Amino acid sequence: MGKAELGDSLQRGGHRRLGTMAGQWRGTTRVWFKPDEPPVMDVTQDGTIRAALGGRFMLHEYRYGEGEQAGEGVALYGLHLDAGAFESAWVDSFHTGSSILFSTGAAAGADARFAVLTHYSDGNGGPDWGWRTEIDQPDADTLVITMFNIIPGVGEAKAVETRYRRIG
């Protein structure tokens, strides 16, 4: 893809939709360890999402909680045009330990929903678990980031949900 074609593509479709996430955000993050149980964490989260590299990617930096429940993270979201796939790289002081979670997911059509999937080790020699992330923006001032554990032999369970409201 030539530079002019890339510029045109960044102005429409998936890149434009990703660009609508840019801004200052505040909301609540909830974390669940077990399905059908109350969240183990329910804290305030502040985040900034900005375009990077001419709109090719969105960089999400955030901080949440206080005291022992305080944490921070960074995520990079993108749309790989040649592969027709959304991609993300995510690190978090609590959730990812010392690993970078790289995730991908099909981006079929201009209205495709941002949803990516990866797998990670259980740390005990068992089968890998799955991790799925979805980003929804029901309106210009609301952003919902939901993450699911996919437990081998059990299925999917909500693990993290951040509900943001735009503050700037």
Protein backbone atom coordinates (compact mmCIF):
# COMPACT_ATOMS: atom_id res chain seq x y z
CA MET A 1 0.00 0.00 0.00
CA GLY A 2 1.39 3.38 -1.02
CA LYS A 3 1.61 6.38 1.28
CA ALA A 4 -1.37 8.13 -0.37
CA GLU A 5 -3.50 4.98 -0.13
CA LEU A 6 -2.55 4.56 3.52
CA GLY A 7 -3.50 8.18 4.26
CA ASP A 8 -6.88 7.70 2.56
CA SER A 9 -7.48 4.51 4.50
CA LEU A 10 -6.66 6.16 7.83
CA GLN A 11 -9.41 8.73 7.19
CA ARG A 12 -12.18 6.17 6.80
CA GLY A 13 -13.36 2.88 8.21
CA GLY A 14 -11.68 1.22 11.16
CA HIS A 15 -8.93 3.78 11.73
CA ARG A 16 -11.45 6.61 11.88
CA ARG A 17 -13.53 4.61 14.35
CA LEU A 18 -10.46 3.94 16.50
CA GLY A 19 -9.71 7.68 16.38
CA THR A 20 -13.03 8.49 18.04
CA MET A 21 -11.61 7.02 21.25
CA ALA A 22 -9.08 9.85 21.57
CA GLY A 23 -9.55 11.94 24.70
CA GLN A 24 -9.41 12.07 28.48
CA TRP A 25 -11.54 9.48 30.27
CA ARG A 26 -12.68 8.70 33.82
CA GLY A 27 -14.68 5.74 34.98
CA THR A 28 -14.85 2.57 36.98
CA THR A 29 -12.87 -0.63 36.58
CA ARG A 30 -14.16 -3.88 38.03
CA VAL A 31 -12.19 -7.13 38.28
CA TRP A 32 -13.61 -10.61 38.81
CA PHE A 33 -11.62 -13.71 39.72
CA LYS A 34 -14.54 -16.14 39.70
CA PRO A 35 -17.74 -16.18 37.66
CA ASP A 36 -20.97 -15.49 39.54
CA GLU A 37 -19.14 -13.83 42.45
CA PRO A 38 -18.88 -10.12 43.28
CA PRO A 39 -15.92 -8.23 41.83
CA VAL A 40 -12.72 -8.35 43.88
CA MET A 41 -11.86 -4.85 42.71
CA ASP A 42 -14.16 -1.89 41.99
CA VAL A 43 -12.04 1.24 41.58
CA THR A 44 -11.88 4.57 39.78
CA GLN A 45 -9.77 4.65 36.62
CA ASP A 46 -8.46 7.65 34.69
CA GLY A 47 -7.18 7.20 31.16
CA THR A 48 -5.84 9.07 28.19
CA ILE A 49 -6.19 7.76 24.66
CA ARG A 50 -4.32 9.50 21.86
CA ALA A 51 -3.47 8.89 18.24
CA ALA A 52 0.05 7.67 17.53
CA LEU A 53 2.04 7.55 14.30
CA GLY A 54 -0.29 9.67 12.23
CA GLY A 55 -3.44 7.89 13.36
CA ARG A 56 -2.21 4.37 12.61
CA PHE A 57 -2.54 3.40 16.27
CA MET A 58 -4.24 4.55 19.46
CA LEU A 59 -2.19 4.66 22.67
CA HIS A 60 -4.17 4.13 25.89
CA GLU A 61 -2.42 5.02 29.16
CA TYR A 62 -4.28 4.65 32.44
CA ARG A 63 -4.10 4.56 36.25
CA TYR A 64 -6.61 3.00 38.63
CA GLY A 65 -7.32 2.54 42.32
CA GLU A 66 -5.48 3.61 45.45
CA GLY A 67 -3.23 1.92 47.97
CA GLU A 68 -2.97 -1.84 47.51
CA GLN A 69 -5.45 -1.72 44.62
CA ALA A 70 -3.52 0.91 42.68
CA GLY A 71 -2.19 0.04 39.26
CA GLU A 72 -1.41 1.36 35.83
CA GLY A 73 -1.22 0.13 32.29
CA VAL A 74 -0.63 0.86 28.64
CA ALA A 75 -2.35 -0.56 25.58
CA LEU A 76 -1.68 0.01 21.90
CA TYR A 77 -4.65 -0.58 19.58
CA GLY A 78 -4.43 -0.77 15.81
CA LEU A 79 -5.94 -1.99 12.58
CA HIS A 80 -3.56 -4.00 10.39
CA LEU A 81 -4.88 -3.16 6.93
CA ASP A 82 -3.06 -5.91 5.00
CA ALA A 83 -4.19 -8.63 7.44
CA GLY A 84 -7.69 -7.18 7.89
CA ALA A 85 -7.23 -7.57 11.64
CA PHE A 86 -7.40 -5.52 14.79
CA GLU A 87 -4.29 -5.84 16.96
CA SER A 88 -3.35 -4.85 20.48
CA ALA A 89 -0.39 -5.01 22.79
CA TRP A 90 -1.22 -4.64 26.49
CA VAL A 91 0.77 -4.37 29.72
CA ASP A 92 -0.62 -3.73 33.19
CA SER A 93 1.09 -3.62 36.58
CA PHE A 94 -1.42 -6.13 38.00
CA HIS A 95 -3.05 -8.10 35.20
CA THR A 96 -0.15 -9.03 32.90
CA GLY A 97 2.76 -9.41 35.32
CA SER A 98 5.97 -9.13 33.31
CA SER A 99 4.47 -10.21 29.98
CA ILE A 100 3.15 -8.27 27.03
CA LEU A 101 -0.15 -9.66 25.79
CA PHE A 102 -0.33 -9.49 22.00
CA SER A 103 -3.84 -10.02 20.64
CA THR A 104 -5.47 -10.10 17.21
CA GLY A 105 -8.97 -10.37 15.81
CA ALA A 106 -10.71 -10.18 12.44
CA ALA A 107 -11.84 -6.74 11.32
CA ALA A 108 -14.45 -7.62 8.72
CA GLY A 109 -16.05 -4.52 7.27
CA ALA A 110 -15.95 -0.83 8.11
CA ASP A 111 -18.33 -1.33 11.05
CA ALA A 112 -16.35 -4.17 12.61
CA ARG A 113 -16.31 -4.23 16.38
CA PHE A 114 -12.89 -4.13 18.06
CA ALA A 115 -12.44 -7.62 19.48
CA VAL A 116 -9.09 -9.36 19.89
CA LEU A 117 -7.95 -12.68 21.33
CA THR A 118 -4.74 -14.13 22.76
CA HIS A 119 -3.65 -17.07 24.90
CA TYR A 120 -1.42 -17.22 27.96
CA SER A 121 0.13 -19.85 30.20
CA ASP A 122 -1.55 -20.81 33.46
CA GLY A 123 1.91 -20.81 35.08
CA ASN A 124 1.47 -24.35 36.40
CA GLY A 125 2.07 -26.44 33.29
CA GLY A 126 -1.62 -26.80 32.43
CA PRO A 127 -3.30 -25.85 29.17
CA ASP A 128 -3.16 -22.25 28.01
CA TRP A 129 -6.03 -19.95 28.91
CA GLY A 130 -7.60 -17.52 26.45
CA TRP A 131 -8.01 -13.77 26.91
CA ARG A 132 -10.48 -11.80 24.80
CA THR A 133 -10.79 -8.00 24.77
CA GLU A 134 -13.68 -6.01 23.30
CA ILE A 135 -13.97 -2.24 23.00
CA ASP A 136 -17.38 -0.67 22.48
CA GLN A 137 -18.22 3.00 22.09
CA PRO A 138 -22.01 3.23 22.33
CA ASP A 139 -21.84 7.03 22.01
CA ALA A 140 -19.17 9.71 21.64
CA ASP A 141 -18.73 10.15 25.40
CA THR A 142 -18.91 6.52 26.57
CA LEU A 143 -16.26 3.83 26.17
CA VAL A 144 -16.52 0.28 27.52
CA ILE A 145 -13.53 -2.04 27.56
CA THR A 146 -14.40 -5.60 28.55
CA MET A 147 -11.95 -8.46 29.00
CA PHE A 148 -12.81 -12.13 29.33
CA ASN A 149 -10.85 -15.13 30.59
CA ILE A 150 -11.41 -18.26 28.56
CA ILE A 151 -10.91 -21.08 31.03
CA PRO A 152 -9.89 -24.45 29.53
CA GLY A 153 -12.74 -26.94 29.79
CA VAL A 154 -15.03 -24.37 31.43
CA GLY A 155 -15.62 -21.50 29.00
CA GLU A 156 -15.60 -17.74 29.06
CA ALA A 157 -15.98 -15.49 32.11
CA LYS A 158 -15.86 -11.71 32.44
CA ALA A 159 -12.58 -10.73 34.11
CA VAL A 160 -12.27 -6.94 33.74
CA GLU A 161 -14.71 -4.22 32.76
CA THR A 162 -13.83 -0.54 32.44
CA ARG A 163 -16.70 1.88 31.86
CA TYR A 164 -15.41 5.31 30.90
CA ARG A 165 -17.08 8.70 30.46
CA ARG A 166 -15.27 11.36 28.45
CA ILE A 167 -13.95 14.23 30.58
CA GLY A 168 -11.97 16.02 27.90
